[in-house]
Amino acid sequence: MTIDTLSPTLDTPPAGALSSPAAQRNLAPILQALETVVPETGKALELASGTGEHVVRMAGAFPGLTWQPSDIDPTRITSIDAYVAAAGLPNLRPAIRIDATRHGWSAIHGGNDLIMVVNLLHLISTQDADMVIEQAAKALNRGGRLAVYGPFKRSGTLTSEGDFRFDAELKARDPLIGYKDDTEMTKMLHANWLELEKIIEMPANNLMFVAHRAN
């Protein structure tokens, strides 16, 4: 699989769009991991879509799904919509505002066959992360999958110098945020009616958790 053959070419961000070097770096591995995860058809919701660079590529790579980006930040929603407009994909909708950490959003934005969460949980508290997983579980159809990508501790331990530095920077900004633990994440999924299918080792010491709603 190559990104160029499966997704729109947007080498230069369109007017009004933001660009993230981190999003560009992890895009190809995320698309490759998703090949074994996404359903052929249905509704896909991305929470905290950020700049919009991921969702526009995912929509191009997996055209059988209708992709709904979302974010809480108006500036990022503007960026997402700039990418959406430039791509002109029939299966990619304009961004909507969702605070993924807020109780009750699943009642409005349910019925999804796939929910994506990329690089969010280490930026929020454990309590907020649990709310994200709870609401995502409720917003899935039966059999729908949740894919969560990001940096995690392994059995309570940070395993690289880069992770030590980044986690310390996050905690200096807010002591309640920072890396979540892989075992903590597994318990969080199970506590919210989700069955863990697999944990995929990703480049740069990241993980992707894939779980589904059984009932």
N, C-alpha and C. Protein backbone atom coordinates (compact mmCIF):
# COMPACT_ATOMS: atom_id res chain seq x y z
N MET A 1 0.85 -1.20 0.00
CA MET A 1 0.00 0.00 0.00
C MET A 1 0.88 1.24 0.00
N THR A 2 0.54 2.21 -0.81
CA THR A 2 1.20 3.51 -0.77
C THR A 2 0.16 4.58 -0.50
N ILE A 3 0.56 5.61 0.20
CA ILE A 3 -0.38 6.68 0.54
C ILE A 3 -0.89 7.34 -0.72
N ASP A 4 0.02 7.57 -1.68
CA ASP A 4 -0.37 8.33 -2.86
C ASP A 4 -1.44 7.63 -3.69
N THR A 5 -1.40 6.29 -3.74
CA THR A 5 -2.38 5.58 -4.56
C THR A 5 -3.71 5.41 -3.86
N LEU A 6 -3.71 5.57 -2.54
CA LEU A 6 -4.94 5.32 -1.81
C LEU A 6 -5.58 6.56 -1.22
N SER A 7 -4.97 7.70 -1.37
CA SER A 7 -5.49 8.89 -0.74
C SER A 7 -5.14 10.12 -1.55
N PRO A 8 -5.87 11.22 -1.34
CA PRO A 8 -5.62 12.41 -2.14
C PRO A 8 -4.25 12.99 -1.89
N THR A 9 -3.67 13.58 -2.91
CA THR A 9 -2.36 14.19 -2.79
C THR A 9 -2.54 15.65 -2.38
N LEU A 10 -2.09 15.96 -1.17
CA LEU A 10 -2.18 17.33 -0.66
C LEU A 10 -0.81 17.70 -0.11
N ASP A 11 0.16 17.84 -1.02
CA ASP A 11 1.52 18.11 -0.58
C ASP A 11 1.65 19.47 0.08
N THR A 12 0.86 20.43 -0.38
CA THR A 12 0.87 21.77 0.21
C THR A 12 -0.46 22.00 0.91
N PRO A 13 -0.45 22.37 2.19
CA PRO A 13 -1.73 22.59 2.88
C PRO A 13 -2.54 23.66 2.18
N PRO A 14 -3.84 23.45 2.02
CA PRO A 14 -4.69 24.48 1.40
C PRO A 14 -4.80 25.71 2.30
N ALA A 15 -5.30 26.79 1.74
CA ALA A 15 -5.47 28.03 2.50
C ALA A 15 -6.32 27.78 3.73
N GLY A 16 -5.88 28.27 4.87
CA GLY A 16 -6.61 28.12 6.11
C GLY A 16 -6.32 26.84 6.86
N ALA A 17 -5.47 25.96 6.28
CA ALA A 17 -5.19 24.67 6.91
C ALA A 17 -3.90 24.71 7.71
N LEU A 18 -3.85 23.91 8.76
CA LEU A 18 -2.65 23.73 9.57
C LEU A 18 -1.93 22.46 9.13
N SER A 19 -0.67 22.36 9.49
CA SER A 19 0.09 21.15 9.19
C SER A 19 0.93 20.76 10.39
N SER A 20 0.97 19.46 10.68
CA SER A 20 1.71 18.95 11.82
C SER A 20 2.76 17.95 11.35
N PRO A 21 4.05 18.21 11.62
CA PRO A 21 5.08 17.24 11.25
C PRO A 21 4.83 15.86 11.85
N ALA A 22 4.33 15.82 13.09
CA ALA A 22 4.06 14.53 13.73
C ALA A 22 2.97 13.77 12.97
N ALA A 23 1.94 14.48 12.53
CA ALA A 23 0.87 13.84 11.76
C ALA A 23 1.40 13.28 10.45
N GLN A 24 2.31 14.01 9.82
CA GLN A 24 2.90 13.52 8.57
C GLN A 24 3.75 12.28 8.81
N ARG A 25 4.48 12.25 9.93
CA ARG A 25 5.37 11.12 10.21
C ARG A 25 4.60 9.84 10.49
N ASN A 26 3.50 9.94 11.26
CA ASN A 26 2.84 8.70 11.66
C ASN A 26 1.70 8.29 10.74
N LEU A 27 1.48 9.05 9.67
CA LEU A 27 0.35 8.77 8.78
C LEU A 27 0.46 7.41 8.12
N ALA A 28 1.59 7.11 7.49
CA ALA A 28 1.73 5.85 6.75
C ALA A 28 1.57 4.62 7.67
N PRO A 29 2.23 4.58 8.84
CA PRO A 29 2.04 3.42 9.72
C PRO A 29 0.60 3.26 10.20
N ILE A 30 -0.08 4.37 10.45
CA ILE A 30 -1.48 4.28 10.89
C ILE A 30 -2.34 3.70 9.78
N LEU A 31 -2.16 4.16 8.55
CA LEU A 31 -2.93 3.62 7.43
C LEU A 31 -2.67 2.14 7.26
N GLN A 32 -1.41 1.72 7.39
CA GLN A 32 -1.08 0.31 7.23
C GLN A 32 -1.73 -0.54 8.32
N ALA A 33 -1.71 -0.04 9.56
CA ALA A 33 -2.35 -0.78 10.66
C ALA A 33 -3.86 -0.87 10.46
N LEU A 34 -4.45 0.18 9.92
CA LEU A 34 -5.90 0.21 9.73
C LEU A 34 -6.39 -0.75 8.66
N GLU A 35 -5.51 -1.20 7.78
CA GLU A 35 -5.92 -2.12 6.73
C GLU A 35 -6.59 -3.38 7.29
N THR A 36 -6.15 -3.80 8.47
CA THR A 36 -6.71 -5.01 9.08
C THR A 36 -7.81 -4.70 10.08
N VAL A 37 -8.19 -3.44 10.19
CA VAL A 37 -9.12 -3.01 11.23
C VAL A 37 -10.44 -2.49 10.67
N VAL A 38 -10.37 -1.69 9.60
CA VAL A 38 -11.57 -0.98 9.14
C VAL A 38 -12.55 -1.93 8.46
N PRO A 39 -13.85 -1.73 8.67
CA PRO A 39 -14.86 -2.47 7.91
C PRO A 39 -14.90 -1.98 6.47
N GLU A 40 -15.47 -2.79 5.60
CA GLU A 40 -15.52 -2.39 4.19
C GLU A 40 -16.46 -1.22 3.97
N THR A 41 -17.55 -1.17 4.73
CA THR A 41 -18.52 -0.09 4.59
C THR A 41 -18.98 0.36 5.96
N GLY A 42 -19.66 1.50 6.01
CA GLY A 42 -20.22 1.97 7.26
C GLY A 42 -19.81 3.40 7.56
N LYS A 43 -19.98 3.77 8.83
CA LYS A 43 -19.69 5.11 9.31
C LYS A 43 -18.45 5.10 10.19
N ALA A 44 -17.56 6.05 9.93
CA ALA A 44 -16.35 6.19 10.73
C ALA A 44 -16.31 7.60 11.32
N LEU A 45 -16.03 7.66 12.61
CA LEU A 45 -15.92 8.93 13.32
C LEU A 45 -14.50 9.07 13.85
N GLU A 46 -13.84 10.19 13.55
CA GLU A 46 -12.56 10.47 14.17
C GLU A 46 -12.76 11.53 15.24
N LEU A 47 -12.33 11.22 16.45
CA LEU A 47 -12.38 12.17 17.55
C LEU A 47 -11.08 12.96 17.59
N ALA A 48 -11.17 14.24 17.93
CA ALA A 48 -9.98 15.10 18.03
C ALA A 48 -9.15 15.02 16.76
N SER A 49 -9.76 15.38 15.64
CA SER A 49 -9.10 15.24 14.33
C SER A 49 -7.92 16.17 14.12
N GLY A 50 -7.75 17.16 14.97
CA GLY A 50 -6.57 18.01 14.89
C GLY A 50 -6.51 18.84 13.62
N THR A 51 -5.41 18.75 12.92
CA THR A 51 -5.24 19.55 11.70
C THR A 51 -6.16 19.09 10.58
N GLY A 52 -6.53 17.81 10.59
CA GLY A 52 -7.33 17.25 9.50
C GLY A 52 -6.52 16.44 8.52
N GLU A 53 -5.20 16.39 8.69
CA GLU A 53 -4.33 15.67 7.76
C GLU A 53 -4.56 14.16 7.78
N HIS A 54 -4.88 13.62 8.95
CA HIS A 54 -5.13 12.18 9.03
C HIS A 54 -6.44 11.79 8.35
N VAL A 55 -7.51 12.47 8.72
CA VAL A 55 -8.83 12.01 8.27
C VAL A 55 -8.98 12.12 6.75
N VAL A 56 -8.36 13.14 6.14
CA VAL A 56 -8.49 13.27 4.69
C VAL A 56 -7.78 12.12 3.99
N ARG A 57 -6.67 11.66 4.56
CA ARG A 57 -5.96 10.52 3.97
C ARG A 57 -6.70 9.21 4.24
N MET A 58 -7.27 9.07 5.43
CA MET A 58 -8.02 7.86 5.74
C MET A 58 -9.25 7.73 4.85
N ALA A 59 -9.90 8.85 4.59
CA ALA A 59 -11.08 8.83 3.72
C ALA A 59 -10.69 8.41 2.31
N GLY A 60 -9.52 8.86 1.84
CA GLY A 60 -9.05 8.46 0.53
C GLY A 60 -8.63 7.01 0.48
N ALA A 61 -8.05 6.52 1.57
CA ALA A 61 -7.55 5.14 1.62
C ALA A 61 -8.67 4.12 1.78
N PHE A 62 -9.76 4.52 2.44
CA PHE A 62 -10.85 3.59 2.73
C PHE A 62 -12.18 4.20 2.28
N PRO A 63 -12.42 4.19 0.97
CA PRO A 63 -13.57 4.92 0.41
C PRO A 63 -14.92 4.28 0.70
N GLY A 64 -14.94 3.05 1.19
CA GLY A 64 -16.22 2.42 1.51
C GLY A 64 -16.85 2.96 2.78
N LEU A 65 -16.08 3.69 3.57
CA LEU A 65 -16.57 4.28 4.81
C LEU A 65 -16.89 5.75 4.60
N THR A 66 -17.93 6.22 5.27
CA THR A 66 -18.23 7.65 5.33
C THR A 66 -17.53 8.20 6.57
N TRP A 67 -16.60 9.13 6.37
CA TRP A 67 -15.75 9.62 7.45
C TRP A 67 -16.27 10.95 7.99
N GLN A 68 -16.38 11.00 9.32
CA GLN A 68 -16.82 12.21 10.00
C GLN A 68 -15.71 12.71 10.93
N PRO A 69 -15.01 13.77 10.54
CA PRO A 69 -14.02 14.35 11.46
C PRO A 69 -14.69 15.21 12.53
N SER A 70 -13.99 15.41 13.63
CA SER A 70 -14.52 16.25 14.71
C SER A 70 -13.37 16.84 15.51
N ASP A 71 -13.66 17.92 16.21
CA ASP A 71 -12.70 18.52 17.13
C ASP A 71 -13.45 19.49 18.03
N ILE A 72 -12.78 19.97 19.06
CA ILE A 72 -13.38 20.95 19.96
C ILE A 72 -12.89 22.36 19.66
N ASP A 73 -11.74 22.47 19.00
CA ASP A 73 -11.08 23.76 18.77
C ASP A 73 -11.54 24.37 17.45
N PRO A 74 -12.13 25.56 17.47
CA PRO A 74 -12.61 26.19 16.23
C PRO A 74 -11.52 26.38 15.17
N THR A 75 -10.29 26.68 15.61
CA THR A 75 -9.19 26.84 14.65
C THR A 75 -8.90 25.54 13.93
N ARG A 76 -8.95 24.45 14.67
CA ARG A 76 -8.68 23.15 14.06
C ARG A 76 -9.86 22.71 13.18
N ILE A 77 -11.06 23.04 13.57
CA ILE A 77 -12.21 22.74 12.71
C ILE A 77 -12.07 23.47 11.38
N THR A 78 -11.62 24.71 11.41
CA THR A 78 -11.37 25.46 10.18
C THR A 78 -10.33 24.76 9.32
N SER A 79 -9.27 24.27 9.95
CA SER A 79 -8.21 23.56 9.23
C SER A 79 -8.74 22.27 8.61
N ILE A 80 -9.49 21.51 9.39
CA ILE A 80 -10.07 20.26 8.89
C ILE A 80 -10.93 20.54 7.66
N ASP A 81 -11.78 21.53 7.77
CA ASP A 81 -12.70 21.84 6.66
C ASP A 81 -11.95 22.30 5.42
N ALA A 82 -10.79 22.95 5.60
CA ALA A 82 -9.98 23.34 4.45
C ALA A 82 -9.46 22.11 3.72
N TYR A 83 -9.01 21.11 4.48
CA TYR A 83 -8.56 19.86 3.85
C TYR A 83 -9.73 19.12 3.20
N VAL A 84 -10.86 19.10 3.88
CA VAL A 84 -12.05 18.43 3.33
C VAL A 84 -12.44 19.05 1.99
N ALA A 85 -12.47 20.37 1.94
CA ALA A 85 -12.85 21.07 0.71
C ALA A 85 -11.85 20.83 -0.40
N ALA A 86 -10.56 20.84 -0.06
CA ALA A 86 -9.52 20.64 -1.07
C ALA A 86 -9.54 19.22 -1.62
N ALA A 87 -9.83 18.25 -0.76
CA ALA A 87 -9.84 16.85 -1.20
C ALA A 87 -11.04 16.54 -2.08
N GLY A 88 -12.19 17.12 -1.76
CA GLY A 88 -13.38 16.92 -2.57
C GLY A 88 -13.84 15.47 -2.62
N LEU A 89 -13.68 14.75 -1.51
CA LEU A 89 -14.06 13.34 -1.48
C LEU A 89 -15.53 13.18 -1.11
N PRO A 90 -16.27 12.32 -1.82
CA PRO A 90 -17.70 12.18 -1.53
C PRO A 90 -17.98 11.49 -0.19
N ASN A 91 -17.00 10.80 0.36
CA ASN A 91 -17.19 10.06 1.62
C ASN A 91 -16.59 10.78 2.82
N LEU A 92 -16.26 12.07 2.66
CA LEU A 92 -15.65 12.84 3.75
C LEU A 92 -16.50 14.07 4.05
N ARG A 93 -17.00 14.13 5.28
CA ARG A 93 -17.91 15.21 5.67
C ARG A 93 -17.16 16.37 6.32
N PRO A 94 -17.76 17.54 6.32
CA PRO A 94 -17.18 18.66 7.07
C PRO A 94 -17.12 18.33 8.57
N ALA A 95 -16.19 18.97 9.25
CA ALA A 95 -15.98 18.69 10.67
C ALA A 95 -17.17 19.14 11.52
N ILE A 96 -17.37 18.44 12.61
CA ILE A 96 -18.36 18.83 13.61
C ILE A 96 -17.65 19.03 14.95
N ARG A 97 -18.29 19.80 15.83
CA ARG A 97 -17.70 20.05 17.14
C ARG A 97 -18.12 18.97 18.12
N ILE A 98 -17.14 18.25 18.64
CA ILE A 98 -17.38 17.27 19.71
C ILE A 98 -16.30 17.46 20.76
N ASP A 99 -16.70 17.62 22.01
CA ASP A 99 -15.77 17.55 23.13
C ASP A 99 -15.77 16.09 23.57
N ALA A 100 -14.76 15.35 23.16
CA ALA A 100 -14.72 13.90 23.40
C ALA A 100 -14.65 13.54 24.87
N THR A 101 -14.30 14.50 25.73
CA THR A 101 -14.19 14.24 27.17
C THR A 101 -15.49 14.54 27.91
N ARG A 102 -16.51 14.96 27.18
CA ARG A 102 -17.76 15.38 27.82
C ARG A 102 -18.80 14.26 27.80
N HIS A 103 -19.48 14.08 28.92
CA HIS A 103 -20.52 13.06 29.02
C HIS A 103 -21.68 13.40 28.07
N GLY A 104 -22.18 12.37 27.38
CA GLY A 104 -23.42 12.51 26.62
C GLY A 104 -23.28 12.70 25.13
N TRP A 105 -22.06 12.92 24.61
CA TRP A 105 -21.97 13.17 23.17
C TRP A 105 -22.35 11.95 22.34
N SER A 106 -22.23 10.76 22.92
CA SER A 106 -22.54 9.54 22.18
C SER A 106 -24.02 9.45 21.80
N ALA A 107 -24.88 10.08 22.59
CA ALA A 107 -26.31 10.04 22.30
C ALA A 107 -26.65 10.82 21.03
N ILE A 108 -25.81 11.77 20.68
CA ILE A 108 -26.03 12.61 19.50
C ILE A 108 -25.27 12.08 18.29
N HIS A 109 -24.10 11.47 18.53
CA HIS A 109 -23.21 11.08 17.45
C HIS A 109 -22.96 9.58 17.45
N GLY A 110 -23.99 8.79 17.64
CA GLY A 110 -23.85 7.34 17.70
C GLY A 110 -23.97 6.68 16.34
N GLY A 111 -24.07 5.34 16.37
CA GLY A 111 -24.27 4.57 15.15
C GLY A 111 -23.04 4.42 14.29
N ASN A 112 -21.86 4.36 14.91
CA ASN A 112 -20.62 4.28 14.16
C ASN A 112 -20.10 2.84 14.08
N ASP A 113 -19.47 2.55 12.95
CA ASP A 113 -18.85 1.24 12.75
C ASP A 113 -17.36 1.26 13.06
N LEU A 114 -16.79 2.45 13.11
CA LEU A 114 -15.38 2.63 13.47
C LEU A 114 -15.24 3.99 14.13
N ILE A 115 -14.50 4.03 15.23
CA ILE A 115 -14.13 5.30 15.86
C ILE A 115 -12.62 5.32 16.00
N MET A 116 -12.01 6.41 15.52
CA MET A 116 -10.55 6.59 15.59
C MET A 116 -10.20 7.63 16.64
N VAL A 117 -9.19 7.33 17.44
CA VAL A 117 -8.64 8.29 18.40
C VAL A 117 -7.13 8.27 18.24
N VAL A 118 -6.57 9.37 17.78
CA VAL A 118 -5.13 9.44 17.51
C VAL A 118 -4.49 10.53 18.37
N ASN A 119 -3.51 10.11 19.17
CA ASN A 119 -2.69 11.06 19.95
C ASN A 119 -3.53 12.03 20.78
N LEU A 120 -4.45 11.47 21.54
CA LEU A 120 -5.28 12.29 22.43
C LEU A 120 -5.08 11.94 23.89
N LEU A 121 -5.03 10.66 24.23
CA LEU A 121 -5.15 10.27 25.64
C LEU A 121 -4.01 10.79 26.51
N HIS A 122 -2.80 10.94 25.97
CA HIS A 122 -1.70 11.45 26.80
C HIS A 122 -1.82 12.95 27.04
N LEU A 123 -2.74 13.60 26.33
CA LEU A 123 -2.92 15.05 26.48
C LEU A 123 -4.06 15.41 27.42
N ILE A 124 -4.71 14.39 28.00
CA ILE A 124 -5.83 14.62 28.90
C ILE A 124 -5.65 13.79 30.17
N SER A 125 -6.46 14.06 31.17
CA SER A 125 -6.35 13.33 32.43
C SER A 125 -6.89 11.90 32.29
N THR A 126 -6.59 11.07 33.27
CA THR A 126 -7.11 9.70 33.27
C THR A 126 -8.63 9.70 33.34
N GLN A 127 -9.19 10.60 34.14
CA GLN A 127 -10.65 10.70 34.23
C GLN A 127 -11.26 11.06 32.88
N ASP A 128 -10.64 12.01 32.18
CA ASP A 128 -11.15 12.40 30.87
C ASP A 128 -10.94 11.27 29.85
N ALA A 129 -9.83 10.57 29.94
CA ALA A 129 -9.58 9.45 29.02
C ALA A 129 -10.64 8.38 29.19
N ASP A 130 -11.01 8.11 30.45
CA ASP A 130 -12.06 7.12 30.70
C ASP A 130 -13.38 7.56 30.09
N MET A 131 -13.67 8.86 30.14
CA MET A 131 -14.90 9.37 29.54
C MET A 131 -14.86 9.22 28.02
N VAL A 132 -13.71 9.48 27.41
CA VAL A 132 -13.58 9.29 25.96
C VAL A 132 -13.91 7.85 25.59
N ILE A 133 -13.34 6.90 26.32
CA ILE A 133 -13.57 5.47 26.00
C ILE A 133 -15.02 5.09 26.28
N GLU A 134 -15.57 5.57 27.39
CA GLU A 134 -16.98 5.26 27.70
C GLU A 134 -17.92 5.74 26.60
N GLN A 135 -17.75 7.00 26.21
CA GLN A 135 -18.64 7.56 25.20
C GLN A 135 -18.42 6.94 23.83
N ALA A 136 -17.16 6.64 23.51
CA ALA A 136 -16.88 5.97 22.23
C ALA A 136 -17.54 4.61 22.18
N ALA A 137 -17.48 3.87 23.28
CA ALA A 137 -18.12 2.55 23.32
C ALA A 137 -19.62 2.66 23.07
N LYS A 138 -20.24 3.66 23.67
CA LYS A 138 -21.68 3.85 23.49
C LYS A 138 -22.02 4.32 22.08
N ALA A 139 -21.08 4.99 21.42
CA ALA A 139 -21.33 5.54 20.09
C ALA A 139 -21.08 4.53 18.97
N LEU A 140 -20.63 3.32 19.33
CA LEU A 140 -20.38 2.27 18.34
C LEU A 140 -21.62 1.41 18.12
N ASN A 141 -21.81 0.95 16.90
CA ASN A 141 -22.77 -0.10 16.63
C ASN A 141 -22.25 -1.42 17.20
N ARG A 142 -23.13 -2.39 17.35
CA ARG A 142 -22.68 -3.72 17.77
C ARG A 142 -21.69 -4.26 16.73
N GLY A 143 -20.54 -4.70 17.20
CA GLY A 143 -19.49 -5.17 16.31
C GLY A 143 -18.57 -4.06 15.83
N GLY A 144 -18.93 -2.81 16.10
CA GLY A 144 -18.09 -1.68 15.70
C GLY A 144 -16.78 -1.67 16.44
N ARG A 145 -15.76 -1.10 15.82
CA ARG A 145 -14.42 -1.11 16.39
C ARG A 145 -13.98 0.29 16.83
N LEU A 146 -13.19 0.29 17.90
CA LEU A 146 -12.50 1.48 18.38
C LEU A 146 -11.01 1.26 18.19
N ALA A 147 -10.33 2.20 17.53
CA ALA A 147 -8.88 2.14 17.36
C ALA A 147 -8.27 3.36 18.04
N VAL A 148 -7.37 3.11 18.99
CA VAL A 148 -6.74 4.18 19.77
C VAL A 148 -5.24 4.09 19.56
N TYR A 149 -4.67 5.18 19.03
CA TYR A 149 -3.24 5.23 18.74
C TYR A 149 -2.56 6.29 19.60
N GLY A 150 -1.36 5.98 20.04
CA GLY A 150 -0.60 6.98 20.78
C GLY A 150 0.53 6.37 21.58
N PRO A 151 1.22 7.19 22.38
CA PRO A 151 2.28 6.69 23.25
C PRO A 151 1.71 6.20 24.59
N PHE A 152 2.24 5.09 25.07
CA PHE A 152 1.77 4.51 26.33
C PHE A 152 2.96 3.98 27.13
N LYS A 153 2.79 3.96 28.45
CA LYS A 153 3.72 3.22 29.29
C LYS A 153 3.52 1.72 29.07
N ARG A 154 4.56 0.94 29.34
CA ARG A 154 4.46 -0.53 29.30
C ARG A 154 4.55 -1.04 30.73
N SER A 155 3.44 -1.58 31.23
CA SER A 155 3.39 -2.10 32.61
C SER A 155 3.92 -1.09 33.61
N GLY A 156 3.49 0.17 33.42
CA GLY A 156 3.85 1.22 34.35
C GLY A 156 5.19 1.87 34.12
N THR A 157 5.89 1.47 33.05
CA THR A 157 7.26 1.95 32.83
C THR A 157 7.38 2.67 31.50
N LEU A 158 8.07 3.81 31.51
CA LEU A 158 8.43 4.48 30.26
C LEU A 158 9.69 3.81 29.72
N THR A 159 9.71 3.54 28.43
CA THR A 159 10.74 2.64 27.89
C THR A 159 11.74 3.29 26.95
N SER A 160 11.72 4.61 26.83
CA SER A 160 12.73 5.27 26.00
C SER A 160 13.03 6.66 26.57
N GLU A 161 14.19 7.19 26.22
CA GLU A 161 14.56 8.53 26.69
C GLU A 161 13.59 9.58 26.15
N GLY A 162 13.17 9.42 24.90
CA GLY A 162 12.21 10.35 24.32
C GLY A 162 10.90 10.35 25.07
N ASP A 163 10.44 9.16 25.49
CA ASP A 163 9.20 9.06 26.25
C ASP A 163 9.34 9.71 27.62
N PHE A 164 10.48 9.49 28.28
CA PHE A 164 10.73 10.14 29.58
C PHE A 164 10.63 11.66 29.45
N ARG A 165 11.27 12.20 28.42
CA ARG A 165 11.29 13.64 28.21
C ARG A 165 9.90 14.18 27.93
N PHE A 166 9.20 13.53 27.00
CA PHE A 166 7.89 14.03 26.58
C PHE A 166 6.89 13.95 27.72
N ASP A 167 6.88 12.83 28.45
CA ASP A 167 5.96 12.68 29.57
C ASP A 167 6.24 13.73 30.64
N ALA A 168 7.52 14.02 30.88
CA ALA A 168 7.88 15.04 31.88
C ALA A 168 7.42 16.43 31.42
N GLU A 169 7.56 16.71 30.14
CA GLU A 169 7.09 18.00 29.61
C GLU A 169 5.59 18.15 29.78
N LEU A 170 4.87 17.07 29.51
CA LEU A 170 3.41 17.10 29.66
C LEU A 170 3.02 17.35 31.11
N LYS A 171 3.66 16.63 32.03
CA LYS A 171 3.31 16.75 33.45
C LYS A 171 3.73 18.11 34.00
N ALA A 172 4.76 18.71 33.44
CA ALA A 172 5.13 20.06 33.87
C ALA A 172 4.07 21.06 33.46
N ARG A 173 3.41 20.80 32.35
CA ARG A 173 2.33 21.65 31.88
C ARG A 173 1.07 21.45 32.72
N ASP A 174 0.79 20.18 33.05
CA ASP A 174 -0.40 19.82 33.83
C ASP A 174 -0.14 18.47 34.47
N PRO A 175 -0.02 18.41 35.81
CA PRO A 175 0.31 17.14 36.47
C PRO A 175 -0.72 16.04 36.28
N LEU A 176 -1.92 16.38 35.82
CA LEU A 176 -2.96 15.36 35.64
C LEU A 176 -2.87 14.65 34.30
N ILE A 177 -2.08 15.21 33.36
CA ILE A 177 -2.01 14.58 32.04
C ILE A 177 -0.71 13.77 31.94
N GLY A 178 -0.46 13.20 30.77
CA GLY A 178 0.73 12.39 30.56
C GLY A 178 0.38 11.00 30.07
N TYR A 179 1.41 10.19 29.88
CA TYR A 179 1.23 8.85 29.31
C TYR A 179 0.31 8.00 30.18
N LYS A 180 -0.60 7.30 29.54
CA LYS A 180 -1.39 6.28 30.21
C LYS A 180 -0.66 4.94 30.09
N ASP A 181 -1.00 4.00 30.96
CA ASP A 181 -0.34 2.70 30.97
C ASP A 181 -1.10 1.72 30.09
N ASP A 182 -0.39 0.80 29.43
CA ASP A 182 -1.05 -0.16 28.56
C ASP A 182 -2.02 -1.07 29.32
N THR A 183 -1.64 -1.46 30.54
CA THR A 183 -2.55 -2.30 31.33
C THR A 183 -3.76 -1.51 31.81
N GLU A 184 -3.54 -0.25 32.15
CA GLU A 184 -4.63 0.65 32.53
C GLU A 184 -5.59 0.82 31.36
N MET A 185 -5.05 0.95 30.17
CA MET A 185 -5.86 1.12 28.97
C MET A 185 -6.71 -0.12 28.71
N THR A 186 -6.13 -1.29 28.87
CA THR A 186 -6.88 -2.54 28.67
C THR A 186 -8.03 -2.64 29.66
N LYS A 187 -7.79 -2.30 30.91
CA LYS A 187 -8.86 -2.32 31.92
C LYS A 187 -9.96 -1.32 31.58
N MET A 188 -9.56 -0.15 31.08
CA MET A 188 -10.51 0.89 30.71
C MET A 188 -11.43 0.39 29.59
N LEU A 189 -10.86 -0.28 28.61
CA LEU A 189 -11.66 -0.82 27.50
C LEU A 189 -12.65 -1.86 28.01
N HIS A 190 -12.17 -2.79 28.82
CA HIS A 190 -13.04 -3.85 29.33
C HIS A 190 -14.14 -3.31 30.24
N ALA A 191 -13.82 -2.27 31.00
CA ALA A 191 -14.81 -1.68 31.90
C ALA A 191 -15.92 -0.98 31.14
N ASN A 192 -15.67 -0.69 29.87
CA ASN A 192 -16.66 0.02 29.06
C ASN A 192 -17.21 -0.86 27.94
N TRP A 193 -17.36 -2.15 28.22
CA TRP A 193 -18.06 -3.11 27.35
C TRP A 193 -17.35 -3.38 26.03
N LEU A 194 -16.06 -3.13 25.98
CA LEU A 194 -15.31 -3.35 24.75
C LEU A 194 -14.39 -4.55 24.91
N GLU A 195 -14.30 -5.36 23.88
CA GLU A 195 -13.42 -6.53 23.89
C GLU A 195 -12.15 -6.20 23.10
N LEU A 196 -11.01 -6.32 23.77
CA LEU A 196 -9.74 -6.03 23.13
C LEU A 196 -9.41 -7.11 22.11
N GLU A 197 -9.19 -6.70 20.86
CA GLU A 197 -8.82 -7.64 19.80
C GLU A 197 -7.32 -7.79 19.70
N LYS A 198 -6.61 -6.67 19.70
CA LYS A 198 -5.15 -6.73 19.55
C LYS A 198 -4.53 -5.40 19.93
N ILE A 199 -3.26 -5.46 20.24
CA ILE A 199 -2.45 -4.28 20.46
C ILE A 199 -1.34 -4.33 19.42
N ILE A 200 -1.28 -3.33 18.57
CA ILE A 200 -0.32 -3.30 17.47
C ILE A 200 0.86 -2.42 17.85
N GLU A 201 2.06 -2.98 17.79
CA GLU A 201 3.27 -2.19 18.01
C GLU A 201 3.47 -1.28 16.81
N MET A 202 3.66 0.00 17.07
CA MET A 202 3.80 0.99 16.02
C MET A 202 5.18 1.65 16.11
N PRO A 203 5.63 2.31 15.02
CA PRO A 203 6.93 3.00 15.08
C PRO A 203 6.97 4.07 16.18
N ALA A 204 8.18 4.47 16.51
CA ALA A 204 8.44 5.51 17.52
C ALA A 204 7.85 5.13 18.88
N ASN A 205 7.81 3.81 19.15
CA ASN A 205 7.40 3.31 20.46
C ASN A 205 5.94 3.57 20.79
N ASN A 206 5.10 3.75 19.77
CA ASN A 206 3.67 3.94 19.98
C ASN A 206 2.93 2.61 19.90
N LEU A 207 1.67 2.64 20.29
CA LEU A 207 0.80 1.46 20.23
C LEU A 207 -0.52 1.85 19.58
N MET A 208 -1.17 0.85 18.96
CA MET A 208 -2.56 1.02 18.56
C MET A 208 -3.39 -0.09 19.21
N PHE A 209 -4.36 0.32 20.04
CA PHE A 209 -5.31 -0.61 20.65
C PHE A 209 -6.50 -0.74 19.73
N VAL A 210 -6.92 -1.97 19.46
CA VAL A 210 -8.10 -2.21 18.64
C VAL A 210 -9.06 -3.06 19.46
N ALA A 211 -10.27 -2.53 19.67
CA ALA A 211 -11.28 -3.23 20.46
C ALA A 211 -12.63 -3.10 19.74
N HIS A 212 -13.55 -4.02 20.08
CA HIS A 212 -14.87 -3.94 19.46
C HIS A 212 -15.98 -4.06 20.49
N ARG A 213 -17.12 -3.54 20.12
CA ARG A 213 -18.29 -3.64 20.97
C ARG A 213 -19.02 -4.94 20.66
N ALA A 214 -19.11 -5.80 21.65
CA ALA A 214 -19.69 -7.13 21.43
C ALA A 214 -21.21 -7.13 21.49
N ASN A 215 -21.79 -6.19 22.25
CA ASN A 215 -23.26 -6.20 22.37
C ASN A 215 -23.77 -4.77 22.56
